[in-house]
Amino acid sequence: AHLWYFGNLKVLPEKIEGVEILKGVEA
């Protein structure tokens, strides 16, 4: 993905399907 993808991960909810989501990268 482009850099913008990682910069915009904040739009993801804190939980999806009942599971907590941390937004990150394998740099």
PDB file of all heavy atoms in Angstrom:
ATOM      1  N   ALA A   1       0.814  -1.214   0.000  1.00  0.00           N
ATOM      2  CA  ALA A   1       0.000   0.000   0.000  1.00  0.00           C
ATOM      3  C   ALA A   1       0.850   1.268   0.000  1.00  0.00           C
ATOM      4  O   ALA A   1       2.016   1.265   0.420  1.00  0.00           O
ATOM      5  CB  ALA A   1      -0.925   0.000   1.215  1.00  0.00           C
ATOM      6  N   HIS A   2       0.236   2.346  -0.423  1.00  0.00           N
ATOM      7  CA  HIS A   2       0.852   3.676  -0.409  1.00  0.00           C
ATOM      8  C   HIS A   2       0.966   4.176   1.026  1.00  0.00           C
ATOM      9  O   HIS A   2       0.251   3.716   1.924  1.00  0.00           O
ATOM     10  CB  HIS A   2      -0.027   4.625  -1.235  1.00  0.00           C
ATOM     11  CG  HIS A   2       0.588   5.956  -1.505  1.00  0.00           C
ATOM     12  ND1 HIS A   2       0.517   7.001  -0.608  1.00  0.00           N
ATOM     13  CD2 HIS A   2       1.269   6.419  -2.581  1.00  0.00           C
ATOM     14  CE1 HIS A   2       1.135   8.052  -1.120  1.00  0.00           C
ATOM     15  NE2 HIS A   2       1.599   7.737  -2.313  1.00  0.00           N
ATOM     16  N   LEU A   3       1.848   5.109   1.240  1.00  0.00           N
ATOM     17  CA  LEU A   3       2.001   5.737   2.558  1.00  0.00           C
ATOM     18  C   LEU A   3       0.670   6.210   3.125  1.00  0.00           C
ATOM     19  O   LEU A   3       0.428   6.116   4.337  1.00  0.00           O
ATOM     20  CB  LEU A   3       2.957   6.934   2.483  1.00  0.00           C
ATOM     21  CG  LEU A   3       4.454   6.676   2.590  1.00  0.00           C
ATOM     22  CD1 LEU A   3       5.208   7.980   2.395  1.00  0.00           C
ATOM     23  CD2 LEU A   3       4.793   6.063   3.932  1.00  0.00           C
ATOM     24  N   TRP A   4      -0.180   6.732   2.256  1.00  0.00           N
ATOM     25  CA  TRP A   4      -1.464   7.272   2.736  1.00  0.00           C
ATOM     26  C   TRP A   4      -2.312   6.212   3.418  1.00  0.00           C
ATOM     27  O   TRP A   4      -3.100   6.518   4.299  1.00  0.00           O
ATOM     28  CB  TRP A   4      -2.232   7.894   1.570  1.00  0.00           C
ATOM     29  CG  TRP A   4      -1.553   9.093   1.003  1.00  0.00           C
ATOM     30  CD1 TRP A   4      -0.485   9.777   1.534  1.00  0.00           C
ATOM     31  CD2 TRP A   4      -1.876   9.767  -0.209  1.00  0.00           C
ATOM     32  NE1 TRP A   4      -0.119  10.824   0.732  1.00  0.00           N
ATOM     33  CE2 TRP A   4      -0.964  10.841  -0.349  1.00  0.00           C
ATOM     34  CE3 TRP A   4      -2.833   9.567  -1.192  1.00  0.00           C
ATOM     35  CZ2 TRP A   4      -0.997  11.711  -1.431  1.00  0.00           C
ATOM     36  CZ3 TRP A   4      -2.868  10.435  -2.269  1.00  0.00           C
ATOM     37  CH2 TRP A   4      -1.974  11.490  -2.387  1.00  0.00           C
ATOM     38  N   TYR A   5      -2.171   4.975   2.991  1.00  0.00           N
ATOM     39  CA  TYR A   5      -2.921   3.884   3.617  1.00  0.00           C
ATOM     40  C   TYR A   5      -2.610   3.824   5.104  1.00  0.00           C
ATOM     41  O   TYR A   5      -3.518   3.722   5.941  1.00  0.00           O
ATOM     42  CB  TYR A   5      -2.553   2.569   2.933  1.00  0.00           C
ATOM     43  CG  TYR A   5      -3.068   1.325   3.625  1.00  0.00           C
ATOM     44  CD1 TYR A   5      -4.353   0.859   3.393  1.00  0.00           C
ATOM     45  CD2 TYR A   5      -2.252   0.599   4.496  1.00  0.00           C
ATOM     46  CE1 TYR A   5      -4.826  -0.292   4.007  1.00  0.00           C
ATOM     47  CE2 TYR A   5      -2.714  -0.548   5.119  1.00  0.00           C
ATOM     48  CZ  TYR A   5      -3.994  -0.986   4.876  1.00  0.00           C
ATOM     49  OH  TYR A   5      -4.456  -2.116   5.495  1.00  0.00           O
ATOM     50  N   PHE A   6      -1.332   3.902   5.437  1.00  0.00           N
ATOM     51  CA  PHE A   6      -0.923   3.811   6.843  1.00  0.00           C
ATOM     52  C   PHE A   6      -1.278   5.082   7.609  1.00  0.00           C
ATOM     53  O   PHE A   6      -1.620   5.034   8.781  1.00  0.00           O
ATOM     54  CB  PHE A   6       0.582   3.516   6.928  1.00  0.00           C
ATOM     55  CG  PHE A   6       0.945   2.227   6.257  1.00  0.00           C
ATOM     56  CD1 PHE A   6       1.447   2.216   4.961  1.00  0.00           C
ATOM     57  CD2 PHE A   6       0.747   1.016   6.905  1.00  0.00           C
ATOM     58  CE1 PHE A   6       1.762   1.027   4.330  1.00  0.00           C
ATOM     59  CE2 PHE A   6       1.053  -0.184   6.281  1.00  0.00           C
ATOM     60  CZ  PHE A   6       1.558  -0.183   4.991  1.00  0.00           C
ATOM     61  N   GLY A   7      -1.241   6.205   6.917  1.00  0.00           N
ATOM     62  CA  GLY A   7      -1.604   7.455   7.562  1.00  0.00           C
ATOM     63  C   GLY A   7      -3.091   7.571   7.860  1.00  0.00           C
ATOM     64  O   GLY A   7      -3.500   8.356   8.716  1.00  0.00           O
ATOM     65  N   ASN A   8      -3.897   6.753   7.176  1.00  0.00           N
ATOM     66  CA  ASN A   8      -5.350   6.850   7.317  1.00  0.00           C
ATOM     67  C   ASN A   8      -5.952   5.692   8.120  1.00  0.00           C
ATOM     68  O   ASN A   8      -7.178   5.574   8.216  1.00  0.00           O
ATOM     69  CB  ASN A   8      -6.003   6.900   5.929  1.00  0.00           C
ATOM     70  CG  ASN A   8      -7.413   7.436   5.975  1.00  0.00           C
ATOM     71  OD1 ASN A   8      -7.703   8.407   6.672  1.00  0.00           O
ATOM     72  ND2 ASN A   8      -8.315   6.806   5.231  1.00  0.00           N
ATOM     73  N   LEU A   9      -5.133   4.856   8.721  1.00  0.00           N
ATOM     74  CA  LEU A   9      -5.649   3.718   9.480  1.00  0.00           C
ATOM     75  C   LEU A   9      -6.520   4.143  10.665  1.00  0.00           C
ATOM     76  O   LEU A   9      -7.278   3.346  11.205  1.00  0.00           O
ATOM     77  CB  LEU A   9      -4.497   2.838   9.978  1.00  0.00           C
ATOM     78  CG  LEU A   9      -3.826   1.952   8.921  1.00  0.00           C
ATOM     79  CD1 LEU A   9      -2.585   1.278   9.507  1.00  0.00           C
ATOM     80  CD2 LEU A   9      -4.787   0.902   8.394  1.00  0.00           C
ATOM     81  N   LYS A  10      -6.407   5.414  11.025  1.00  0.00           N
ATOM     82  CA  LYS A  10      -7.214   5.935  12.143  1.00  0.00           C
ATOM     83  C   LYS A  10      -8.708   5.806  11.896  1.00  0.00           C
ATOM     84  O   LYS A  10      -9.510   5.852  12.841  1.00  0.00           O
ATOM     85  CB  LYS A  10      -6.859   7.395  12.417  1.00  0.00           C
ATOM     86  CG  LYS A  10      -7.134   8.329  11.252  1.00  0.00           C
ATOM     87  CD  LYS A  10      -6.691   9.742  11.562  1.00  0.00           C
ATOM     88  CE  LYS A  10      -6.950  10.689  10.390  1.00  0.00           C
ATOM     89  NZ  LYS A  10      -6.135  10.371   9.202  1.00  0.00           N
ATOM     90  N   VAL A  11      -9.112   5.634  10.638  1.00  0.00           N
ATOM     91  CA  VAL A  11     -10.544   5.532  10.350  1.00  0.00           C
ATOM     92  C   VAL A  11     -11.116   4.173  10.772  1.00  0.00           C
ATOM     93  O   VAL A  11     -12.340   4.018  10.860  1.00  0.00           O
ATOM     94  CB  VAL A  11     -10.840   5.774   8.852  1.00  0.00           C
ATOM     95  CG1 VAL A  11     -10.307   7.130   8.420  1.00  0.00           C
ATOM     96  CG2 VAL A  11     -10.291   4.657   7.971  1.00  0.00           C
ATOM     97  N   LEU A  12     -10.263   3.215  11.030  1.00  0.00           N
ATOM     98  CA  LEU A  12     -10.752   1.900  11.450  1.00  0.00           C
ATOM     99  C   LEU A  12     -11.345   1.982  12.850  1.00  0.00           C
ATOM    100  O   LEU A  12     -10.806   2.677  13.720  1.00  0.00           O
ATOM    101  CB  LEU A  12      -9.609   0.878  11.461  1.00  0.00           C
ATOM    102  CG  LEU A  12      -8.985   0.497  10.126  1.00  0.00           C
ATOM    103  CD1 LEU A  12      -7.850  -0.491  10.359  1.00  0.00           C
ATOM    104  CD2 LEU A  12     -10.029  -0.104   9.201  1.00  0.00           C
ATOM    105  N   PRO A  13     -12.418   1.266  13.103  1.00  0.00           N
ATOM    106  CA  PRO A  13     -12.976   1.244  14.460  1.00  0.00           C
ATOM    107  C   PRO A  13     -12.051   0.505  15.407  1.00  0.00           C
ATOM    108  O   PRO A  13     -11.175  -0.262  14.982  1.00  0.00           O
ATOM    109  CB  PRO A  13     -14.291   0.488  14.286  1.00  0.00           C
ATOM    110  CG  PRO A  13     -14.113  -0.333  13.056  1.00  0.00           C
ATOM    111  CD  PRO A  13     -13.213   0.458  12.157  1.00  0.00           C
ATOM    112  N   GLU A  14     -12.242   0.722  16.699  1.00  0.00           N
ATOM    113  CA  GLU A  14     -11.395   0.070  17.687  1.00  0.00           C
ATOM    114  C   GLU A  14     -11.674  -1.425  17.773  1.00  0.00           C
ATOM    115  O   GLU A  14     -10.779  -2.203  18.154  1.00  0.00           O
ATOM    116  CB  GLU A  14     -11.595   0.711  19.066  1.00  0.00           C
ATOM    117  CG  GLU A  14     -11.074   2.137  19.149  1.00  0.00           C
ATOM    118  CD  GLU A  14     -11.156   2.697  20.555  1.00  0.00           C
ATOM    119  OE1 GLU A  14     -11.580   1.967  21.469  1.00  0.00           O
ATOM    120  OE2 GLU A  14     -10.783   3.873  20.737  1.00  0.00           O
ATOM    121  N   LYS A  15     -12.889  -1.821  17.432  1.00  0.00           N
ATOM    122  CA  LYS A  15     -13.244  -3.237  17.415  1.00  0.00           C
ATOM    123  C   LYS A  15     -13.956  -3.583  16.110  1.00  0.00           C
ATOM    124  O   LYS A  15     -14.740  -2.787  15.591  1.00  0.00           O
ATOM    125  CB  LYS A  15     -14.153  -3.597  18.597  1.00  0.00           C
ATOM    126  CG  LYS A  15     -13.434  -3.718  19.927  1.00  0.00           C
ATOM    127  CD  LYS A  15     -14.349  -4.319  20.990  1.00  0.00           C
ATOM    128  CE  LYS A  15     -13.599  -4.539  22.303  1.00  0.00           C
ATOM    129  NZ  LYS A  15     -14.459  -5.218  23.312  1.00  0.00           N
ATOM    130  N   ILE A  16     -13.637  -4.761  15.585  1.00  0.00           N
ATOM    131  CA  ILE A  16     -14.312  -5.288  14.413  1.00  0.00           C
ATOM    132  C   ILE A  16     -14.671  -6.736  14.722  1.00  0.00           C
ATOM    133  O   ILE A  16     -13.832  -7.510  15.195  1.00  0.00           O
ATOM    134  CB  ILE A  16     -13.414  -5.229  13.157  1.00  0.00           C
ATOM    135  CG1 ILE A  16     -13.038  -3.769  12.833  1.00  0.00           C
ATOM    136  CG2 ILE A  16     -14.107  -5.870  11.957  1.00  0.00           C
ATOM    137  CD1 ILE A  16     -12.057  -3.624  11.691  1.00  0.00           C
ATOM    138  N   GLU A  17     -15.925  -7.086  14.492  1.00  0.00           N
ATOM    139  CA  GLU A  17     -16.392  -8.453  14.756  1.00  0.00           C
ATOM    140  C   GLU A  17     -16.093  -8.892  16.196  1.00  0.00           C
ATOM    141  O   GLU A  17     -15.807 -10.056  16.467  1.00  0.00           O
ATOM    142  CB  GLU A  17     -15.750  -9.442  13.767  1.00  0.00           C
ATOM    143  CG  GLU A  17     -16.074  -9.174  12.312  1.00  0.00           C
ATOM    144  CD  GLU A  17     -17.515  -9.507  11.957  1.00  0.00           C
ATOM    145  OE1 GLU A  17     -18.053 -10.474  12.507  1.00  0.00           O
ATOM    146  OE2 GLU A  17     -18.107  -8.775  11.127  1.00  0.00           O
ATOM    147  N   GLY A  18     -16.132  -7.921  17.111  1.00  0.00           N
ATOM    148  CA  GLY A  18     -15.917  -8.237  18.520  1.00  0.00           C
ATOM    149  C   GLY A  18     -14.469  -8.367  18.936  1.00  0.00           C
ATOM    150  O   GLY A  18     -14.179  -8.726  20.085  1.00  0.00           O
ATOM    151  N   VAL A  19     -13.539  -8.069  18.040  1.00  0.00           N
ATOM    152  CA  VAL A  19     -12.107  -8.199  18.325  1.00  0.00           C
ATOM    153  C   VAL A  19     -11.457  -6.824  18.269  1.00  0.00           C
ATOM    154  O   VAL A  19     -11.689  -6.052  17.339  1.00  0.00           O
ATOM    155  CB  VAL A  19     -11.430  -9.141  17.310  1.00  0.00           C
ATOM    156  CG1 VAL A  19      -9.924  -9.209  17.553  1.00  0.00           C
ATOM    157  CG2 VAL A  19     -12.046 -10.538  17.394  1.00  0.00           C
ATOM    158  N   GLU A  20     -10.642  -6.519  19.272  1.00  0.00           N
ATOM    159  CA  GLU A  20      -9.944  -5.243  19.297  1.00  0.00           C
ATOM    160  C   GLU A  20      -8.879  -5.215  18.204  1.00  0.00           C
ATOM    161  O   GLU A  20      -8.184  -6.196  17.974  1.00  0.00           O
ATOM    162  CB  GLU A  20      -9.308  -5.026  20.673  1.00  0.00           C
ATOM    163  CG  GLU A  20      -8.848  -3.608  20.909  1.00  0.00           C
ATOM    164  CD  GLU A  20      -8.606  -3.297  22.378  1.00  0.00           C
ATOM    165  OE1 GLU A  20      -8.894  -4.162  23.236  1.00  0.00           O
ATOM    166  OE2 GLU A  20      -8.124  -2.186  22.655  1.00  0.00           O
ATOM    167  N   ILE A  21      -8.763  -4.052  17.555  1.00  0.00           N
ATOM    168  CA  ILE A  21      -7.847  -3.903  16.428  1.00  0.00           C
ATOM    169  C   ILE A  21      -6.778  -2.867  16.745  1.00  0.00           C
ATOM    170  O   ILE A  21      -7.088  -1.727  17.088  1.00  0.00           O
ATOM    171  CB  ILE A  21      -8.600  -3.446  15.152  1.00  0.00           C
ATOM    172  CG1 ILE A  21      -9.789  -4.365  14.852  1.00  0.00           C
ATOM    173  CG2 ILE A  21      -7.629  -3.372  13.975  1.00  0.00           C
ATOM    174  CD1 ILE A  21      -9.443  -5.767  14.476  1.00  0.00           C
ATOM    175  N   LEU A  22      -5.521  -3.266  16.625  1.00  0.00           N
ATOM    176  CA  LEU A  22      -4.421  -2.310  16.678  1.00  0.00           C
ATOM    177  C   LEU A  22      -3.951  -2.041  15.257  1.00  0.00           C
ATOM    178  O   LEU A  22      -3.820  -2.972  14.452  1.00  0.00           O
ATOM    179  CB  LEU A  22      -3.258  -2.830  17.518  1.00  0.00           C
ATOM    180  CG  LEU A  22      -3.500  -2.974  19.024  1.00  0.00           C
ATOM    181  CD1 LEU A  22      -2.201  -3.346  19.744  1.00  0.00           C
ATOM    182  CD2 LEU A  22      -4.087  -1.705  19.631  1.00  0.00           C
ATOM    183  N   LYS A  23      -3.722  -0.767  14.947  1.00  0.00           N
ATOM    184  CA  LYS A  23      -3.334  -0.381  13.602  1.00  0.00           C
ATOM    185  C   LYS A  23      -1.816  -0.275  13.536  1.00  0.00           C
ATOM    186  O   LYS A  23      -1.203   0.453  14.320  1.00  0.00           O
ATOM    187  CB  LYS A  23      -3.954   0.958  13.219  1.00  0.00           C
ATOM    188  CG  LYS A  23      -5.485   0.946  13.181  1.00  0.00           C
ATOM    189  CD  LYS A  23      -6.102   1.347  14.495  1.00  0.00           C
ATOM    190  CE  LYS A  23      -7.604   1.559  14.371  1.00  0.00           C
ATOM    191  NZ  LYS A  23      -8.271   1.904  15.629  1.00  0.00           N
ATOM    192  N   GLY A  24      -1.222  -0.998  12.593  1.00  0.00           N
ATOM    193  CA  GLY A  24       0.231  -1.004  12.540  1.00  0.00           C
ATOM    194  C   GLY A  24       0.796  -1.244  11.165  1.00  0.00           C
ATOM    195  O   GLY A  24       0.133  -1.064  10.143  1.00  0.00           O
ATOM    196  N   VAL A  25       2.052  -1.686  11.157  1.00  0.00           N
ATOM    197  CA  VAL A  25       2.770  -1.928   9.907  1.00  0.00           C
ATOM    198  C   VAL A  25       3.872  -2.944  10.168  1.00  0.00           C
ATOM    199  O   VAL A  25       4.398  -3.034  11.279  1.00  0.00           O
ATOM    200  CB  VAL A  25       3.386  -0.620   9.362  1.00  0.00           C
ATOM    201  CG1 VAL A  25       4.463  -0.083  10.308  1.00  0.00           C
ATOM    202  CG2 VAL A  25       3.964  -0.796   7.966  1.00  0.00           C
ATOM    203  N   GLU A  26       4.193  -3.718   9.142  1.00  0.00           N
ATOM    204  CA  GLU A  26       5.463  -4.443   9.130  1.00  0.00           C
ATOM    205  C   GLU A  26       6.367  -3.646   8.213  1.00  0.00           C
ATOM    206  O   GLU A  26       6.338  -3.795   6.992  1.00  0.00           O
ATOM    207  CB  GLU A  26       5.322  -5.883   8.642  1.00  0.00           C
ATOM    208  CG  GLU A  26       6.661  -6.611   8.712  1.00  0.00           C
ATOM    209  CD  GLU A  26       6.627  -8.026   8.177  1.00  0.00           C
ATOM    210  OE1 GLU A  26       5.643  -8.417   7.535  1.00  0.00           O
ATOM    211  OE2 GLU A  26       7.625  -8.744   8.401  1.00  0.00           O
ATOM    212  N   ALA A  27       7.146  -2.766   8.809  1.00  0.00           N
ATOM    213  CA  ALA A  27       8.018  -1.881   8.049  1.00  0.00           C
ATOM    214  C   ALA A  27       9.248  -2.638   7.566  1.00  0.00           C
ATOM    215  O   ALA A  27       9.711  -3.593   8.199  1.00  0.00           O
ATOM    216  CB  ALA A  27       8.436  -0.695   8.917  1.00  0.00           C
TER     217      ALA A  27
END
